[in-house]
Structure formats: structure tokens, C-alpha cells
N, C-alpha and C. Protein backbone atom coordinates (compact mmCIF):
# COMPACT_ATOMS: atom_id res chain seq x y z
N UNK A 1 0.87 1.19 9.30
CA UNK A 1 0.21 2.28 9.87
C UNK A 1 0.01 1.12 11.45
N UNK A 2 -0.25 2.47 12.47
CA UNK A 2 -0.58 1.48 13.88
C UNK A 2 -1.89 1.08 13.43
N UNK A 3 -1.94 -0.38 14.53
CA UNK A 3 -3.26 -1.37 14.35
C UNK A 3 -4.56 -0.37 15.07
N UNK A 4 -4.94 -0.91 14.32
CA UNK A 4 -6.84 -0.44 14.72
C UNK A 4 -7.23 1.27 14.43
N UNK A 5 -6.00 1.89 13.68
CA UNK A 5 -6.54 3.08 13.05
C UNK A 5 -7.20 3.05 11.90
N UNK A 6 -8.42 3.41 11.37
CA UNK A 6 -9.41 3.59 10.31
C UNK A 6 -8.62 4.64 9.30
N UNK A 7 -7.98 4.25 7.86
CA UNK A 7 -8.59 4.99 6.72
C UNK A 7 -9.63 4.90 6.03
N UNK A 8 -10.17 6.01 5.51
CA UNK A 8 -11.50 6.39 4.87
C UNK A 8 -10.70 6.91 3.47
N UNK A 9 -10.74 6.40 2.44
CA UNK A 9 -10.84 7.37 1.45
C UNK A 9 -12.13 8.14 0.58
N UNK A 10 -11.96 9.66 0.06
CA UNK A 10 -12.46 9.97 -0.53
C UNK A 10 -13.18 10.30 -1.48
N UNK A 11 -13.63 9.81 -2.29
CA UNK A 11 -14.13 10.01 -3.86
C UNK A 11 -15.48 10.27 -4.49
N UNK A 12 -15.53 11.42 -5.05
CA UNK A 12 -17.12 11.30 -5.44
C UNK A 12 -17.07 11.32 -7.17
N UNK A 13 -18.11 10.25 -7.38
CA UNK A 13 -18.28 9.95 -8.44
C UNK A 13 -18.16 10.74 -9.86
N UNK A 14 -17.39 10.58 -10.77
CA UNK A 14 -17.35 11.37 -11.61
C UNK A 14 -16.30 12.72 -12.14
N UNK A 15 -15.89 12.68 -10.69
CA UNK A 15 -15.07 13.81 -10.80
C UNK A 15 -13.45 13.23 -10.04
N UNK A 16 -12.75 14.50 -10.72
CA UNK A 16 -11.35 13.76 -10.36
C UNK A 16 -10.95 15.34 -8.91
N UNK A 17 -10.59 14.43 -7.85
CA UNK A 17 -10.20 15.27 -6.68
C UNK A 17 -8.84 14.53 -5.96
N UNK A 18 -8.05 15.93 -5.54
CA UNK A 18 -6.97 14.73 -5.64
C UNK A 18 -6.94 13.85 -3.88
N UNK A 19 -6.14 13.37 -4.48
CA UNK A 19 -5.89 11.88 -3.30
C UNK A 19 -5.97 12.34 -1.64
N UNK A 20 -7.03 12.41 -1.27
CA UNK A 20 -7.04 13.07 0.04
C UNK A 20 -7.49 11.93 1.03
N UNK A 21 -7.05 11.89 2.23
CA UNK A 21 -7.24 10.94 2.84
C UNK A 21 -7.61 11.27 4.11
N UNK A 22 -9.12 10.42 4.82
CA UNK A 22 -9.26 10.48 6.25
C UNK A 22 -8.44 9.65 7.13
N UNK A 23 -8.14 10.04 8.06
CA UNK A 23 -8.02 8.75 9.12
C UNK A 23 -8.95 9.06 10.28
N UNK A 24 -8.95 8.04 11.00
CA UNK A 24 -9.65 7.56 12.59
C UNK A 24 -8.50 7.15 13.17
N UNK A 25 -8.14 8.18 14.48
CA UNK A 25 -7.36 7.80 15.31
C UNK A 25 -7.79 7.77 16.23
N UNK A 26 -7.72 6.58 17.67
CA UNK A 26 -8.35 6.09 18.40
C UNK A 26 -7.59 6.97 19.84
N UNK A 27 -6.29 6.92 19.83
CA UNK A 27 -5.28 7.58 20.84
C UNK A 27 -4.46 8.48 20.62
N UNK A 28 -3.68 9.25 21.57
CA UNK A 28 -3.08 9.57 21.38
C UNK A 28 -1.91 9.31 20.52
N UNK A 29 -1.47 8.13 21.04
CA UNK A 29 -0.10 7.21 20.87
C UNK A 29 -0.99 6.87 19.41
N UNK A 30 -1.71 6.66 18.82
CA UNK A 30 -1.72 6.43 17.29
C UNK A 30 -1.83 7.38 16.69
N UNK A 31 -1.70 8.63 16.93
CA UNK A 31 -1.58 10.34 16.33
C UNK A 31 -0.24 10.46 16.27
N UNK A 32 0.73 10.33 16.96
CA UNK A 32 1.95 10.45 17.31
C UNK A 32 2.21 8.87 16.65
N UNK A 33 2.41 7.99 16.01
CA UNK A 33 2.42 6.84 15.22
C UNK A 33 2.87 7.34 13.69
N UNK A 34 1.04 7.80 13.22
CA UNK A 34 0.84 8.57 12.33
C UNK A 34 1.99 9.73 11.75
N UNK A 35 2.19 10.77 13.06
CA UNK A 35 3.36 11.55 13.03
C UNK A 35 4.79 11.11 12.33
N UNK A 36 5.18 9.85 13.62
CA UNK A 36 6.17 9.40 12.95
C UNK A 36 6.54 9.12 11.78
N UNK A 37 5.17 8.46 11.28
CA UNK A 37 5.41 8.31 9.66
C UNK A 37 5.57 9.19 9.02
N UNK A 38 5.03 10.59 8.77
CA UNK A 38 4.87 11.54 8.13
C UNK A 38 6.27 12.33 8.46
N UNK A 39 7.10 11.77 9.64
CA UNK A 39 8.14 12.10 9.99
C UNK A 39 9.48 11.39 8.89
N UNK A 40 9.17 10.43 8.95
CA UNK A 40 10.19 9.41 8.20
C UNK A 40 9.91 9.98 6.77
N UNK A 41 8.90 10.09 5.87
CA UNK A 41 8.14 10.60 5.18
C UNK A 41 9.05 11.52 4.34
N UNK A 42 9.03 12.32 5.17
CA UNK A 42 9.91 13.96 5.00
C UNK A 42 10.89 14.09 4.52
N UNK A 43 10.98 15.26 2.85
CA UNK A 43 12.20 15.32 2.77
C UNK A 43 12.18 17.15 2.98
N UNK A 44 13.22 17.43 2.75
CA UNK A 44 13.84 18.45 2.48
C UNK A 44 12.89 19.83 1.68
N UNK A 45 12.13 20.96 2.54
CA UNK A 45 11.49 21.59 2.11
C UNK A 45 9.72 21.54 2.18
N UNK A 46 9.72 20.16 2.45
CA UNK A 46 8.36 20.10 3.03
C UNK A 46 7.33 20.76 3.99
N UNK A 47 6.64 21.46 3.81
CA UNK A 47 5.78 21.99 4.89
C UNK A 47 4.23 21.35 4.79
N UNK A 48 4.17 21.16 6.38
CA UNK A 48 2.62 20.59 6.40
C UNK A 48 2.26 21.64 7.75
N UNK A 49 0.92 22.25 7.02
CA UNK A 49 -0.31 23.23 7.98
C UNK A 49 -1.05 22.33 8.66
N UNK A 50 -1.30 22.76 9.99
CA UNK A 50 -2.30 21.47 10.85
C UNK A 50 -3.42 23.37 10.84
N UNK A 51 -4.60 22.37 11.02
CA UNK A 51 -5.38 23.53 11.17
C UNK A 51 -6.82 22.07 12.45
N UNK A 52 -6.55 23.25 13.54
CA UNK A 52 -7.51 22.37 14.56
C UNK A 52 -8.17 23.10 15.72
N UNK A 53 -8.69 22.87 16.90
CA UNK A 53 -9.14 23.37 18.13
C UNK A 53 -8.14 23.14 19.18
N UNK A 54 -7.98 24.36 19.58
CA UNK A 54 -7.01 23.94 21.12
C UNK A 54 -7.16 22.36 21.29
N UNK A 55 -6.63 22.24 21.96
CA UNK A 55 -6.60 20.53 22.15
C UNK A 55 -7.09 19.28 21.45
N UNK A 56 -6.98 19.71 19.92
CA UNK A 56 -7.75 19.04 19.21
C UNK A 56 -6.51 17.73 18.45
N UNK A 57 -5.10 18.22 18.75
CA UNK A 57 -4.45 17.15 18.62
C UNK A 57 -3.10 17.65 18.06
N UNK A 58 -3.06 18.80 17.14
CA UNK A 58 -1.88 19.34 16.87
C UNK A 58 -0.38 18.71 17.06
N UNK A 59 0.27 19.42 18.56
CA UNK A 59 1.17 19.49 19.39
C UNK A 59 1.50 17.60 19.18
N UNK A 60 0.68 17.40 19.18
CA UNK A 60 1.03 15.77 19.65
C UNK A 60 0.94 15.23 18.31
N UNK A 61 0.32 15.20 17.43
CA UNK A 61 1.01 15.02 15.64
C UNK A 61 2.03 15.43 15.43
N UNK A 62 2.85 16.61 16.08
CA UNK A 62 3.94 17.51 15.90
C UNK A 62 5.30 16.40 16.71
N UNK A 63 4.76 16.09 17.69
CA UNK A 63 6.05 15.13 18.83
C UNK A 63 6.39 13.75 17.70
N UNK A 64 4.84 13.34 16.90
CA UNK A 64 5.37 12.42 16.05
C UNK A 64 6.28 12.36 15.45
N UNK A 65 6.09 13.36 14.30
CA UNK A 65 6.59 13.75 13.46
C UNK A 65 8.24 14.07 13.74
N UNK A 66 8.61 14.84 15.02
CA UNK A 66 9.74 14.78 15.31
C UNK A 66 10.63 13.72 15.43
N UNK A 67 9.94 12.46 16.26
CA UNK A 67 10.09 11.24 16.13
C UNK A 67 10.90 10.72 15.04
N UNK A 68 9.76 10.79 13.93
CA UNK A 68 10.16 10.21 12.69
C UNK A 68 10.93 11.05 11.86
N UNK A 69 11.64 11.68 12.70
CA UNK A 69 13.12 12.69 12.24
C UNK A 69 14.26 12.39 12.74
N UNK A 70 14.09 11.57 13.69
CA UNK A 70 15.56 11.10 14.56
C UNK A 70 15.31 12.50 15.80
N UNK A 71 14.54 13.09 15.75
CA UNK A 71 14.42 14.44 17.25
C UNK A 71 14.27 13.55 18.27
N UNK A 72 15.75 14.21 19.23
CA UNK A 72 15.63 12.88 20.58
C UNK A 72 14.82 14.23 21.54
N UNK A 73 14.05 13.83 22.61
CA UNK A 73 13.29 15.04 23.52
C UNK A 73 12.17 15.16 23.10
N UNK A 74 11.61 16.22 23.79
CA UNK A 74 10.19 16.26 23.25
C UNK A 74 9.81 17.72 22.95
N UNK A 75 9.26 17.59 21.92
CA UNK A 75 8.91 18.20 21.17
C UNK A 75 7.77 19.48 21.75
N UNK A 76 7.62 20.53 21.96
CA UNK A 76 6.73 20.89 22.61
C UNK A 76 6.28 22.07 22.01
N UNK A 77 4.82 22.99 22.64
CA UNK A 77 4.28 23.89 21.18
C UNK A 77 4.83 25.36 21.82
N UNK A 78 5.72 25.75 20.39
CA UNK A 78 5.93 27.04 20.17
C UNK A 78 5.00 28.14 20.59
N UNK A 79 3.95 27.88 21.21
CA UNK A 79 2.75 28.96 21.15
C UNK A 79 3.39 30.42 21.92
N UNK A 80 4.21 30.51 22.74
CA UNK A 80 5.02 31.94 23.29
C UNK A 80 6.07 32.08 22.81
N UNK A 81 6.40 31.24 22.26
CA UNK A 81 8.09 31.87 20.94
C UNK A 81 7.50 31.83 19.60
N UNK A 82 6.57 31.37 19.35
CA UNK A 82 6.12 31.19 17.88
C UNK A 82 6.53 30.17 17.30
N UNK A 83 8.73 30.55 17.22
CA UNK A 83 9.08 29.76 16.42
C UNK A 83 9.97 28.46 17.36
N UNK A 84 9.86 27.40 17.23
CA UNK A 84 10.77 26.30 17.86
C UNK A 84 11.62 25.53 16.86
N UNK A 85 12.81 25.28 16.41
CA UNK A 85 13.94 24.61 15.79
C UNK A 85 14.56 23.58 16.65
N UNK A 86 14.39 22.47 15.47
CA UNK A 86 14.64 21.18 16.77
C UNK A 86 15.84 20.49 15.19
N UNK A 87 16.33 19.61 15.89
CA UNK A 87 17.51 19.22 14.92
C UNK A 87 17.55 17.45 14.60
N UNK A 88 17.25 17.03 13.52
CA UNK A 88 17.18 15.54 13.51
C UNK A 88 17.84 15.38 11.68
N UNK A 89 17.81 14.06 11.61
CA UNK A 89 17.61 13.68 9.95
C UNK A 89 17.37 14.62 9.08
N UNK A 90 16.25 16.15 9.59
CA UNK A 90 16.45 17.51 8.67
C UNK A 90 16.01 17.95 10.08
N UNK A 91 16.08 19.28 9.87
CA UNK A 91 15.72 20.23 10.81
C UNK A 91 14.18 20.51 11.17
N UNK A 92 13.94 20.36 11.57
CA UNK A 92 12.05 20.94 12.05
C UNK A 92 11.92 22.17 12.61
N UNK A 93 11.24 23.02 11.77
CA UNK A 93 10.88 24.51 12.23
C UNK A 93 9.08 24.37 12.71
N UNK A 94 9.07 24.04 13.78
CA UNK A 94 7.89 24.38 14.59
C UNK A 94 7.10 25.18 14.14
N UNK A 95 6.23 26.05 14.03
CA UNK A 95 5.62 27.70 14.20
C UNK A 95 4.27 27.27 14.38
N UNK A 96 3.90 27.83 15.51
CA UNK A 96 2.22 28.10 16.03
C UNK A 96 2.29 29.63 16.10
N UNK A 97 0.87 29.61 15.03
CA UNK A 97 0.33 30.82 14.85
C UNK A 97 -0.68 31.38 15.81
N UNK A 98 -1.11 30.96 16.52
CA UNK A 98 -2.00 30.83 17.89
C UNK A 98 -2.04 32.05 18.35
N UNK A 99 -1.41 32.76 18.65
CA UNK A 99 -1.61 34.47 19.72
C UNK A 99 -1.78 34.77 18.48
N UNK A 100 -1.54 34.70 17.16
CA UNK A 100 -1.61 35.94 16.26
C UNK A 100 -2.72 36.35 15.57
N UNK A 101 -3.36 37.00 15.41
CA UNK A 101 -4.60 37.24 15.12
C UNK A 101 -5.03 37.97 14.02
N UNK A 102 -3.70 38.46 13.44
CA UNK A 102 -4.20 39.03 12.17
C UNK A 102 -2.97 38.71 11.06
N UNK A 103 -3.33 38.55 9.93
CA UNK A 103 -2.32 37.89 8.50
C UNK A 103 -1.15 39.01 8.68
N UNK A 104 -1.27 40.38 9.05
CA UNK A 104 -0.38 41.46 9.24
C UNK A 104 0.42 41.09 10.26
N UNK A 105 0.45 40.38 11.15
CA UNK A 105 1.43 39.89 11.88
C UNK A 105 1.90 38.79 11.84
N UNK A 106 1.72 37.88 11.09
CA UNK A 106 2.22 36.84 10.43
C UNK A 106 3.01 37.10 9.32
N UNK A 107 2.84 38.31 8.22
CA UNK A 107 3.54 38.49 7.66
C UNK A 107 4.74 39.17 8.04
N UNK A 108 4.71 40.10 9.11
CA UNK A 108 5.62 40.69 9.44
C UNK A 108 6.94 39.65 10.46
N UNK A 109 6.44 38.23 10.91
CA UNK A 109 6.68 37.81 11.47
C UNK A 109 8.48 37.01 10.88
N UNK A 110 8.45 36.97 8.76
CA UNK A 110 9.75 36.93 8.60
C UNK A 110 9.82 35.37 8.64
N UNK A 111 8.61 34.41 8.34
CA UNK A 111 8.33 33.25 8.69
C UNK A 111 8.90 32.63 7.04
N UNK A 112 9.41 33.36 5.96
CA UNK A 112 9.65 32.29 5.04
C UNK A 112 10.94 31.95 4.98
N UNK A 113 11.74 32.29 5.54
CA UNK A 113 12.88 31.57 5.44
C UNK A 113 12.95 29.86 6.27
N UNK A 114 11.73 29.80 6.74
CA UNK A 114 11.23 28.54 7.28
C UNK A 114 10.74 27.71 6.50
N UNK A 115 9.82 28.37 6.25
CA UNK A 115 8.99 28.10 4.73
C UNK A 115 9.15 27.32 3.64
N UNK A 116 10.46 28.12 3.28
CA UNK A 116 11.14 27.81 2.29
C UNK A 116 12.69 27.52 2.73
N UNK A 117 12.51 26.70 3.78
CA UNK A 117 14.10 26.69 3.81
C UNK A 117 14.53 24.89 3.67
N UNK A 118 15.15 24.56 4.24
CA UNK A 118 16.10 23.21 3.90
C UNK A 118 15.70 21.93 4.94
N UNK A 119 14.69 22.43 5.42
CA UNK A 119 14.47 21.74 6.76
C UNK A 119 12.57 21.00 6.42
N UNK A 120 11.90 20.70 7.37
CA UNK A 120 10.79 20.50 7.14
C UNK A 120 9.88 21.84 8.20
N UNK A 121 8.91 22.00 7.60
CA UNK A 121 8.04 22.89 8.98
C UNK A 121 6.64 22.60 8.82
N UNK A 122 6.43 22.64 9.69
CA UNK A 122 5.18 21.90 10.66
C UNK A 122 4.31 23.67 11.13
N UNK A 123 3.17 24.26 10.53
CA UNK A 123 2.72 25.41 10.88
C UNK A 123 1.50 25.09 11.52
N UNK A 124 1.24 25.37 13.20
CA UNK A 124 0.00 25.08 13.72
C UNK A 124 -0.89 26.64 13.62
N UNK A 125 -2.23 25.92 13.47
CA UNK A 125 -3.00 27.30 13.39
C UNK A 125 -2.72 27.90 12.07
N UNK A 126 -2.44 27.16 11.31
CA UNK A 126 -2.56 27.74 9.95
C UNK A 126 -3.40 28.12 9.46
N UNK A 127 -4.31 28.04 9.51
CA UNK A 127 -5.52 29.05 9.10
C UNK A 127 -5.89 30.56 9.24
N UNK A 128 -5.07 30.74 10.24
CA UNK A 128 -4.47 32.07 10.59
C UNK A 128 -3.84 32.93 9.33
N UNK A 129 -3.32 32.50 8.38
CA UNK A 129 -2.30 32.82 7.59
C UNK A 129 -2.16 31.67 6.49
N UNK A 130 -3.40 31.24 5.63
CA UNK A 130 -3.37 30.06 4.85
C UNK A 130 -2.86 31.11 3.29
N UNK A 131 -2.77 32.01 3.20
CA UNK A 131 -2.70 32.87 1.76
C UNK A 131 -1.17 33.55 2.04
N UNK A 132 -0.78 33.10 3.20
CA UNK A 132 0.96 33.47 3.25
C UNK A 132 1.55 32.01 2.98
N UNK A 133 1.23 30.92 3.01
CA UNK A 133 1.62 29.82 3.01
C UNK A 133 2.18 29.78 1.14
N UNK A 134 3.24 28.39 0.96
CA UNK A 134 3.46 27.69 0.20
C UNK A 134 1.93 27.19 -0.68
N UNK A 135 1.99 27.46 -2.00
CA UNK A 135 1.11 27.10 -2.59
C UNK A 135 1.25 25.43 -2.32
N UNK A 136 2.33 25.07 -2.46
CA UNK A 136 2.70 23.61 -2.34
C UNK A 136 2.55 23.33 -1.08
N UNK A 137 2.05 22.26 -0.30
CA UNK A 137 1.55 21.60 1.20
C UNK A 137 0.66 20.73 1.44
N UNK A 138 1.32 19.93 2.56
CA UNK A 138 0.35 19.18 3.05
C UNK A 138 -0.33 19.70 4.11
N UNK A 139 -1.93 19.65 3.72
CA UNK A 139 -2.76 20.59 4.84
C UNK A 139 -3.60 19.17 5.62
N UNK A 140 -3.28 19.56 7.10
CA UNK A 140 -3.97 18.23 7.88
C UNK A 140 -4.91 19.23 9.15
N UNK A 141 -6.34 19.04 8.85
CA UNK A 141 -7.02 19.26 9.84
C UNK A 141 -7.50 18.33 10.67
N UNK A 142 -7.45 18.52 12.10
CA UNK A 142 -7.66 17.63 13.03
C UNK A 142 -9.54 17.99 13.91
N UNK A 143 -10.28 16.86 13.90
CA UNK A 143 -11.59 17.06 14.17
C UNK A 143 -11.53 16.20 15.38
N UNK A 144 -11.59 16.43 16.96
CA UNK A 144 -11.63 15.78 17.99
C UNK A 144 -13.21 15.16 17.85
N UNK A 145 -12.98 13.63 18.34
CA UNK A 145 -14.73 12.89 18.30
C UNK A 145 -15.02 12.95 19.32
N UNK A 146 -14.12 12.09 20.48
CA UNK A 146 -14.03 11.94 21.83
C UNK A 146 -12.88 12.79 22.37
N UNK A 147 -12.76 11.79 23.74
CA UNK A 147 -11.59 12.78 24.38
C UNK A 147 -10.18 11.89 23.97
N UNK A 148 -10.30 10.87 23.45
CA UNK A 148 -9.31 9.98 22.48
C UNK A 148 -8.93 10.28 21.17
N UNK A 149 -10.30 10.33 20.67
CA UNK A 149 -10.41 9.89 19.11
C UNK A 149 -10.35 11.23 18.81
N UNK A 150 -9.62 11.28 17.36
CA UNK A 150 -9.42 12.35 16.45
C UNK A 150 -9.48 11.99 15.06
N UNK A 151 -10.26 12.81 13.97
CA UNK A 151 -10.53 12.45 12.66
C UNK A 151 -9.73 13.62 12.11
N UNK A 152 -8.40 12.82 11.28
CA UNK A 152 -7.59 13.74 10.69
C UNK A 152 -8.03 13.60 9.09
N UNK A 153 -7.92 14.78 8.31
CA UNK A 153 -8.23 15.23 6.99
C UNK A 153 -6.86 15.61 6.46
N UNK A 154 -6.09 14.57 5.42
CA UNK A 154 -5.22 14.66 5.00
C UNK A 154 -4.97 15.32 3.69
N UNK A 155 -4.74 16.26 3.30
CA UNK A 155 -5.22 17.10 1.62
C UNK A 155 -4.29 17.84 1.04
N UNK A 156 -3.14 16.74 0.39
CA UNK A 156 -2.31 17.24 -0.89
C UNK A 156 -2.38 18.55 -1.60
N UNK A 157 -1.46 19.31 -1.59
CA UNK A 157 -1.28 20.39 -2.53
C UNK A 157 -0.31 20.21 -3.12
N UNK A 158 -0.17 19.41 -4.19
CA UNK A 158 1.11 19.85 -4.93
C UNK A 158 1.37 17.68 -4.86
N UNK A 159 2.20 17.65 -6.44
CA UNK A 159 2.69 16.14 -6.22
C UNK A 159 3.38 15.83 -5.30
N UNK A 160 4.07 16.54 -4.81
CA UNK A 160 5.07 15.88 -3.86
C UNK A 160 4.52 14.99 -2.70
N UNK A 161 3.18 16.02 -1.77
CA UNK A 161 2.03 15.59 -1.33
C UNK A 161 1.52 14.42 -1.61
N UNK A 162 0.87 14.75 -2.60
CA UNK A 162 0.22 13.18 -3.22
C UNK A 162 0.58 12.16 -3.16
N UNK A 163 2.12 12.33 -3.80
CA UNK A 163 3.23 11.52 -2.95
C UNK A 163 3.41 10.88 -1.76
N UNK A 164 3.20 11.68 -0.54
CA UNK A 164 3.34 10.76 0.49
C UNK A 164 2.13 10.73 0.98
N UNK A 165 0.87 10.67 0.32
CA UNK A 165 -0.61 10.23 0.58
C UNK A 165 -0.43 9.11 0.14
N UNK A 166 -0.21 8.79 -1.12
CA UNK A 166 0.19 7.77 -1.93
C UNK A 166 1.03 6.12 -0.97
N UNK A 167 2.27 6.87 -0.21
CA UNK A 167 2.85 6.01 0.49
C UNK A 167 1.88 5.69 1.52
N UNK A 168 0.97 6.60 2.24
CA UNK A 168 0.22 6.74 3.55
C UNK A 168 -0.52 5.40 3.07
N UNK A 169 -1.22 5.47 2.17
CA UNK A 169 -2.68 4.57 1.44
C UNK A 169 -1.25 2.94 1.34
N UNK A 170 -0.87 3.17 0.73
CA UNK A 170 0.01 1.95 0.84
C UNK A 170 -0.17 0.79 1.90
N UNK A 171 0.42 1.51 2.94
CA UNK A 171 0.57 1.70 4.47
C UNK A 171 -0.47 0.72 4.68
N UNK A 172 -2.21 1.67 4.47
CA UNK A 172 -2.96 1.23 5.07
C UNK A 172 -3.51 -0.31 5.53
N UNK A 173 -3.98 -0.29 6.56
CA UNK A 173 -4.66 -1.66 7.17
C UNK A 173 -5.82 -1.83 5.86
N UNK A 174 -6.25 -3.57 5.48
CA UNK A 174 -7.32 -3.80 5.13
C UNK A 174 -8.47 -3.71 5.59
N UNK A 175 -9.45 -3.08 5.08
CA UNK A 175 -11.06 -2.54 5.86
C UNK A 175 -11.87 -3.85 5.87
């Protein structure tokens, strides 16, 4: 993992929680490096759901994911077209729900072919339709701490995503 990035593990005494992970990124480059690693770990059918305010770094993370999939070029936000498709080691389906305000609008999009497709699906503004998303996914919440620093919460939902988190932890720098 990128030098200078902090990993924080959350566990509560006496409880069994999913192996979630908190990461402090100190720059857009570190956020993209995390994305690159997620792209390298991606398998067909994976779904990454992103939550964060405008400017939090969702597209920045997706750009790194695209690089990790070997996608040449610049992955831009699909806010006005809703879905962009890129081709690399796996197809990347980049969905942005920002412009949609009601769950019914999301349901009418017919995004199931992406969510249950053969590529990696990344959904920005996923909180607008969480109940329509596959039950197994990696939920990523991005919280700005300053102009450049971000806290990323990665919460796996399902065995596949617990394995992704485990792989990231094995690479975590010693604290």
C-alpha cells in the first residue's frame, strides 16, 4: 500500500464484526493507489458501492480502480450519462446516481445487467438506492478530513469482500 497511508482496524470487545477497515489517505494520489489495488484484486461480478459528498474522492478512487484493471485513459464521472463502460482486464461499469433523486428512478434504469454482469461495477452515490443493490458488495464511504486528506471506511458484505479486505490488511504498513 502507498507509503504514509494509515490503516485503522475497528473491533469492539466481545463482538464479532465484519473485518471492516478504515484508511486515512493523505492525498489524491494515495486514494488512487488504493483504487489501483482494489482494481487488481477485482474479480468478475464484483460490486463496489461508494458513498460520499460532492468532492469526497469517489471518482478519484474509481480512476485508480480503472488503472488497476489495466484501463488506458482517464475515467471520468458519468454524472450526466449515468453509466460509463471501460474495457481492461475486466469491463468496468461506472455508475453515478447523483442526478437521481428517487429510488424509482434508479429501478427504472435497468442497471441489473451491470450489477450482475461479468465485469466490476462501481456505483457512486450508492446511498440513493442501497435497497436495490446486490446484498453482497464492498461498501466504501469516503469522508473528507481536509483539502487533501480522506478517511475511507471499507465494509465488506459477503465472503468475497471479506477476502478483499483481508488482502488489503496483509499489505498494510506496520503502525
